[in-house]
Protein backbone atom coordinates (compact mmCIF):
# COMPACT_ATOMS: atom_id res chain seq x y z
CA MET A 1 79.25 82.56 78.74
CA GLY A 2 79.98 85.57 77.42
CA GLU A 3 81.08 87.24 81.00
CA TRP A 4 83.46 83.70 81.34
CA VAL A 5 84.73 84.52 78.06
CA ASN A 6 85.09 87.69 78.89
CA ARG A 7 86.93 86.85 82.13
CA GLY A 8 89.56 84.06 80.07
CA TRP A 9 90.72 86.94 78.03
CA ARG A 10 91.13 89.25 80.72
CA VAL A 11 93.18 86.16 82.46
CA LEU A 12 95.13 86.17 79.10
CA ALA A 13 95.59 89.63 78.95
CA THR A 14 96.83 90.38 82.78
CA GLY A 15 99.58 87.64 81.92
CA LEU A 16 100.23 89.45 78.89
CA CYS A 17 100.76 92.91 80.94
CA PHE A 18 102.81 91.34 83.84
CA ALA A 19 104.96 89.90 81.15
CA VAL A 20 105.80 93.58 79.52
CA PHE A 21 106.14 94.68 82.76
CA GLY A 22 108.97 92.14 83.48
CA LEU A 23 110.56 92.74 80.45
CA GLY A 24 110.50 96.34 80.71
CA GLY A 25 112.23 96.23 84.08
CA LEU A 26 114.89 94.45 82.63
CA VAL A 27 115.46 96.63 79.89
CA VAL A 28 115.75 99.75 82.48
CA ARG A 29 118.33 97.50 84.20
CA CYS A 30 120.78 96.53 81.09
CA VAL A 31 120.30 98.81 78.57
CA VAL A 32 118.90 102.02 79.99
CA TYR A 33 120.90 102.50 83.35
CA PRO A 34 123.79 101.66 81.83
CA ALA A 35 123.11 104.09 78.71
CA LEU A 36 122.67 107.14 81.83
CA LEU A 37 125.74 105.75 83.92
CA LEU A 38 128.13 106.15 80.44
CA GLY A 39 126.05 109.32 79.14
CA VAL A 40 125.41 111.50 82.15
CA ARG A 41 127.82 112.68 84.98
CA GLN A 42 126.11 114.57 87.28
CA PRO A 43 123.91 112.08 89.68
CA GLY A 44 120.95 114.33 90.38
CA ARG A 45 120.51 114.39 86.49
CA ARG A 46 120.66 111.18 86.36
CA GLN A 47 118.44 110.30 88.59
CA HIS A 48 115.62 112.71 87.17
CA LEU A 49 116.34 111.42 83.95
CA SER A 50 115.45 108.20 85.49
CA GLN A 51 112.64 109.37 87.30
CA ALA A 52 111.57 110.53 84.14
CA VAL A 53 111.66 107.35 81.78
CA ILE A 54 110.10 105.37 84.43
CA HIS A 55 106.91 107.87 84.75
CA HIS A 56 106.43 107.54 81.03
CA SER A 57 106.86 104.14 80.82
CA PHE A 58 104.33 103.94 83.14
CA ARG A 59 101.61 106.02 81.73
CA TRP A 60 102.24 103.80 78.68
CA PHE A 61 101.75 100.26 80.92
CA VAL A 62 98.74 101.65 82.44
CA ALA A 63 97.44 102.56 78.82
CA LEU A 64 97.78 99.25 77.39
CA MET A 65 96.26 97.72 80.64
CA ARG A 66 93.31 99.72 79.90
CA CYS A 67 93.55 98.97 75.93
CA VAL A 68 93.45 94.75 76.30
CA GLY A 69 90.77 95.22 78.64
CA VAL A 70 92.51 94.75 82.08
CA LEU A 71 90.63 97.47 83.56
CA SER A 72 89.29 100.72 83.16
CA TYR A 73 89.99 103.64 85.46
CA GLU A 74 89.28 107.57 86.06
CA VAL A 75 91.15 110.00 88.14
CA ARG A 76 89.66 113.31 90.05
CA GLY A 77 91.67 116.01 91.32
CA MET A 78 94.47 115.36 88.58
CA GLU A 79 95.59 119.07 88.74
CA ARG A 80 96.75 118.93 93.13
CA LEU A 81 99.53 116.17 91.27
CA GLN A 82 101.14 119.19 88.84
CA ARG A 83 103.33 120.25 91.90
CA ARG A 84 106.72 119.55 93.29
CA GLY A 85 107.91 118.57 96.62
CA LEU A 86 104.39 116.70 97.19
CA LEU A 87 104.11 114.08 100.18
CA ILE A 88 101.54 111.91 99.08
CA LEU A 89 99.85 109.38 101.20
CA ALA A 90 97.42 106.96 99.59
CA ASN A 91 95.55 103.67 100.55
CA HIS A 92 96.80 100.72 98.70
CA PRO A 93 93.70 98.24 97.83
CA SER A 94 95.87 96.92 95.06
CA LEU A 95 98.72 95.14 93.55
CA ILE A 96 99.83 98.14 90.61
CA ASP A 97 98.62 101.22 93.01
CA VAL A 98 101.95 102.82 92.97
CA VAL A 99 102.32 102.19 88.73
CA PHE A 100 99.06 104.42 89.48
CA LEU A 101 100.24 107.03 91.23
CA ILE A 102 103.95 107.26 89.44
CA SER A 103 101.86 107.40 85.98
CA PHE A 104 100.77 110.36 86.95
CA VAL A 105 103.18 112.44 88.85
CA ARG A 106 106.35 113.30 87.87
CA HIS A 107 109.43 113.97 89.76
CA ALA A 108 108.34 111.10 92.05
CA ASP A 109 110.15 109.22 94.62
CA CYS A 110 109.24 105.93 96.74
CA ILE A 111 109.55 103.83 99.77
CA VAL A 112 109.99 100.14 98.25
CA LYS A 113 110.52 97.07 99.71
CA ALA A 114 114.24 95.85 100.08
CA ALA A 115 113.30 92.50 98.18
CA LEU A 116 112.35 94.21 95.11
CA ALA A 117 115.61 96.19 95.43
CA ARG A 118 117.28 92.38 94.90
CA ASN A 119 114.49 91.39 92.08
CA PRO A 120 116.24 90.97 88.59
CA PHE A 121 112.48 92.43 86.92
CA THR A 122 112.79 95.25 89.50
CA ARG A 123 116.45 95.93 90.86
CA GLY A 124 116.86 98.23 87.23
CA PRO A 125 114.15 100.99 87.71
CA ILE A 126 114.47 100.89 91.52
CA THR A 127 118.17 101.74 91.52
CA ALA A 128 117.93 103.70 88.19
CA ALA A 129 115.36 106.18 89.92
CA GLY A 130 117.03 106.56 93.70
CA PHE A 131 113.90 104.82 95.26
CA ILE A 132 114.30 104.55 98.77
CA THR A 133 114.47 101.41 100.14
CA ASN A 134 113.22 100.48 103.37
CA SER A 135 115.59 98.43 104.86
CA GLY A 136 116.98 102.34 105.85
CA GLY A 137 116.22 101.43 109.54
CA SER A 138 116.63 104.82 111.48
CA GLU A 139 117.76 106.72 108.33
CA LEU A 140 114.66 106.29 106.63
CA LEU A 141 112.93 109.53 107.91
CA ASP A 142 116.12 111.99 107.10
CA ASP A 143 115.77 109.86 103.54
CA CYS A 144 112.44 110.79 102.80
CA LEU A 145 112.69 114.58 104.07
CA HIS A 146 115.95 114.86 102.08
CA SER A 147 114.13 113.29 98.92
CA LEU A 148 111.61 116.14 99.12
CA GLN A 149 113.38 119.34 100.05
CA ALA A 150 115.09 118.29 96.95
CA GLY A 151 111.99 118.71 95.09
CA ASN A 152 110.96 114.77 94.65
CA ASN A 153 107.30 114.25 94.90
CA LEU A 154 107.35 111.17 97.70
CA ILE A 155 104.33 108.63 97.41
CA ILE A 156 104.15 106.48 100.60
CA PHE A 157 101.69 104.10 101.54
CA PRO A 158 101.01 104.17 104.93
CA GLU A 159 99.40 101.21 105.95
CA GLY A 160 102.64 99.03 105.01
CA THR A 161 101.11 96.84 102.47
CA ARG A 162 98.05 96.04 100.48
CA THR A 163 95.04 96.61 102.27
CA PRO A 164 93.21 93.32 103.66
CA LEU A 165 90.23 92.49 102.02
CA GLN A 166 88.60 91.77 105.49
CA GLY A 167 89.77 92.69 108.86
CA ARG A 168 90.13 96.33 110.17
CA VAL A 169 92.94 98.81 108.57
CA ARG A 170 95.91 100.19 110.59
CA LEU A 171 97.90 102.75 109.11
CA GLN A 172 101.29 102.50 110.53
CA ARG A 173 103.08 106.03 111.86
CA GLY A 174 105.92 106.69 109.65
CA ALA A 175 104.38 108.72 107.39
CA ALA A 176 103.12 111.29 109.70
CA HIS A 177 106.01 111.15 111.30
CA VAL A 178 107.81 112.76 107.94
CA ALA A 179 105.30 115.46 107.39
CA VAL A 180 105.36 116.16 111.11
CA LYS A 181 109.17 116.54 110.87
CA GLY A 182 109.02 118.42 108.01
CA ARG A 183 105.93 120.42 108.96
CA ILE A 184 105.30 118.86 105.21
CA ALA A 185 101.30 118.59 104.13
CA ILE A 186 99.83 115.75 103.03
CA THR A 187 98.16 115.12 99.50
CA PRO A 188 95.97 112.64 100.59
CA VAL A 189 94.64 110.10 97.57
CA HIS A 190 91.93 107.63 97.68
CA ILE A 191 92.29 104.40 95.25
CA HIS A 192 89.11 102.58 94.96
CA SER A 193 88.39 99.99 92.63
CA SER A 194 84.82 98.32 91.69
CA LEU A 195 85.46 94.95 91.83
CA PRO A 196 89.06 93.59 94.21
CA MET A 197 91.87 92.94 91.40
CA LEU A 198 95.57 92.20 92.76
CA THR A 199 94.74 92.43 96.68
CA LYS A 200 96.64 90.92 99.30
CA GLY A 201 97.41 87.09 98.84
CA THR A 202 95.33 86.81 95.55
CA PRO A 203 97.45 85.34 92.60
CA TRP A 204 97.59 87.52 88.84
CA TRP A 205 95.72 85.01 87.35
CA GLN A 206 92.36 85.19 89.84
CA VAL A 207 90.79 88.12 87.86
CA PRO A 208 86.92 89.14 88.98
CA LEU A 209 83.97 88.55 86.46
CA ARG A 210 83.91 91.39 85.25
CA LYS A 211 86.53 94.42 84.55
CA PRO A 212 86.97 96.73 87.51
CA HIS A 213 86.74 100.11 87.51
CA PHE A 214 89.37 102.44 89.20
CA THR A 215 88.84 105.50 90.21
CA ILE A 216 91.28 107.19 91.97
CA GLU A 217 90.90 110.49 93.92
CA VAL A 218 93.14 113.23 94.90
CA ARG A 219 91.93 115.31 97.94
CA GLU A 220 92.79 118.28 99.41
CA ASP A 221 95.69 119.04 101.03
CA ILE A 222 96.14 118.49 105.28
CA ALA A 223 98.47 120.89 107.04
CA VAL A 224 99.71 119.34 109.42
CA ALA A 225 100.94 122.85 111.03
CA PRO A 226 97.78 122.82 113.52
CA PHE A 227 98.42 119.45 114.53
CA CYS A 228 102.33 120.30 116.02
CA GLU A 229 101.06 123.52 117.69
CA THR A 230 98.16 122.17 119.57
CA ALA A 231 100.32 118.59 120.44
CA PRO A 232 102.63 118.63 123.44
CA SER A 233 105.46 116.68 121.03
CA GLU A 234 106.27 115.46 118.35
CA VAL A 235 105.16 111.75 118.57
CA LEU A 236 101.49 113.09 120.00
CA ALA A 237 101.05 115.21 116.64
CA ALA A 238 102.10 112.20 114.35
CA ARG A 239 99.36 110.10 116.34
CA GLN A 240 96.75 112.84 116.06
CA VAL A 241 97.64 113.12 112.20
CA THR A 242 97.25 109.20 111.85
CA GLU A 243 94.43 109.11 113.18
CA HIS A 244 93.09 112.42 110.78
CA LEU A 245 94.67 110.53 107.83
CA SER A 246 92.85 107.32 108.26
CA GLU A 247 89.70 109.04 108.05
CA GLN A 248 90.73 110.47 104.72
CA LEU A 249 92.12 107.52 103.36
CA PHE A 250 89.48 105.32 103.98
CA ARG A 251 86.17 107.53 103.59
CA GLU A 252 84.73 106.60 99.96
CA PRO A 253 84.28 109.55 97.79
CA SER A 254 80.67 111.50 97.64
CA ARG A 255 78.57 111.27 94.39
CA ALA A 256 79.12 115.09 94.42
CA SER A 257 82.61 114.87 93.51
CA ALA A 258 81.67 112.71 90.64
């Protein structure tokens, strides 16, 4: 009986968190972003301030989820995220992965679906922070490199969508092409949840019986220069980087790193 009462509370708490997140997006769009447009003339400065607002808002939101008992979490290797110009590539088991990462990373940029840029609840934060949309076509690679050269920390999920609970996981090569083209080291992040939560195809109210625990492990950088030096072309180098990255992103954390 206790487990079912706890689960019922977490359903209500999850709904509350979603409502808070949606209202927060509207506040950014209707209040914060117009205020920044009026008060800050320089576009670069305005974007950095918007990123800071989203970073701290997401930190507060993650704290809210933990406080109301929706989930618990731990971060390993946080110090590796305290740099600029990082290309952060992560696996994508849950809907809230990007919220976690942006809450830990300052000056964060990311690639978002074009549909989110049209959503009234998410359009405000996306527009304010200047996040990259995946509707850029051939310009997407240049947009990513420009963001990194500007000192942003670019977050990409190479799977392109949330990890399915069943079936083989395949990474898209776009993220590896960014690394190879810019000769930028990759900072891999492995995200693991003790129980499936907010997975692909699962509605938000289907919470697990017990509170899930998320482990976010920031692993050592992957240098791309060796792949570029040995491969006969950038296309083949990106393929090799993708294969190596797949092993890094989906390898479970060792007990020694706990």
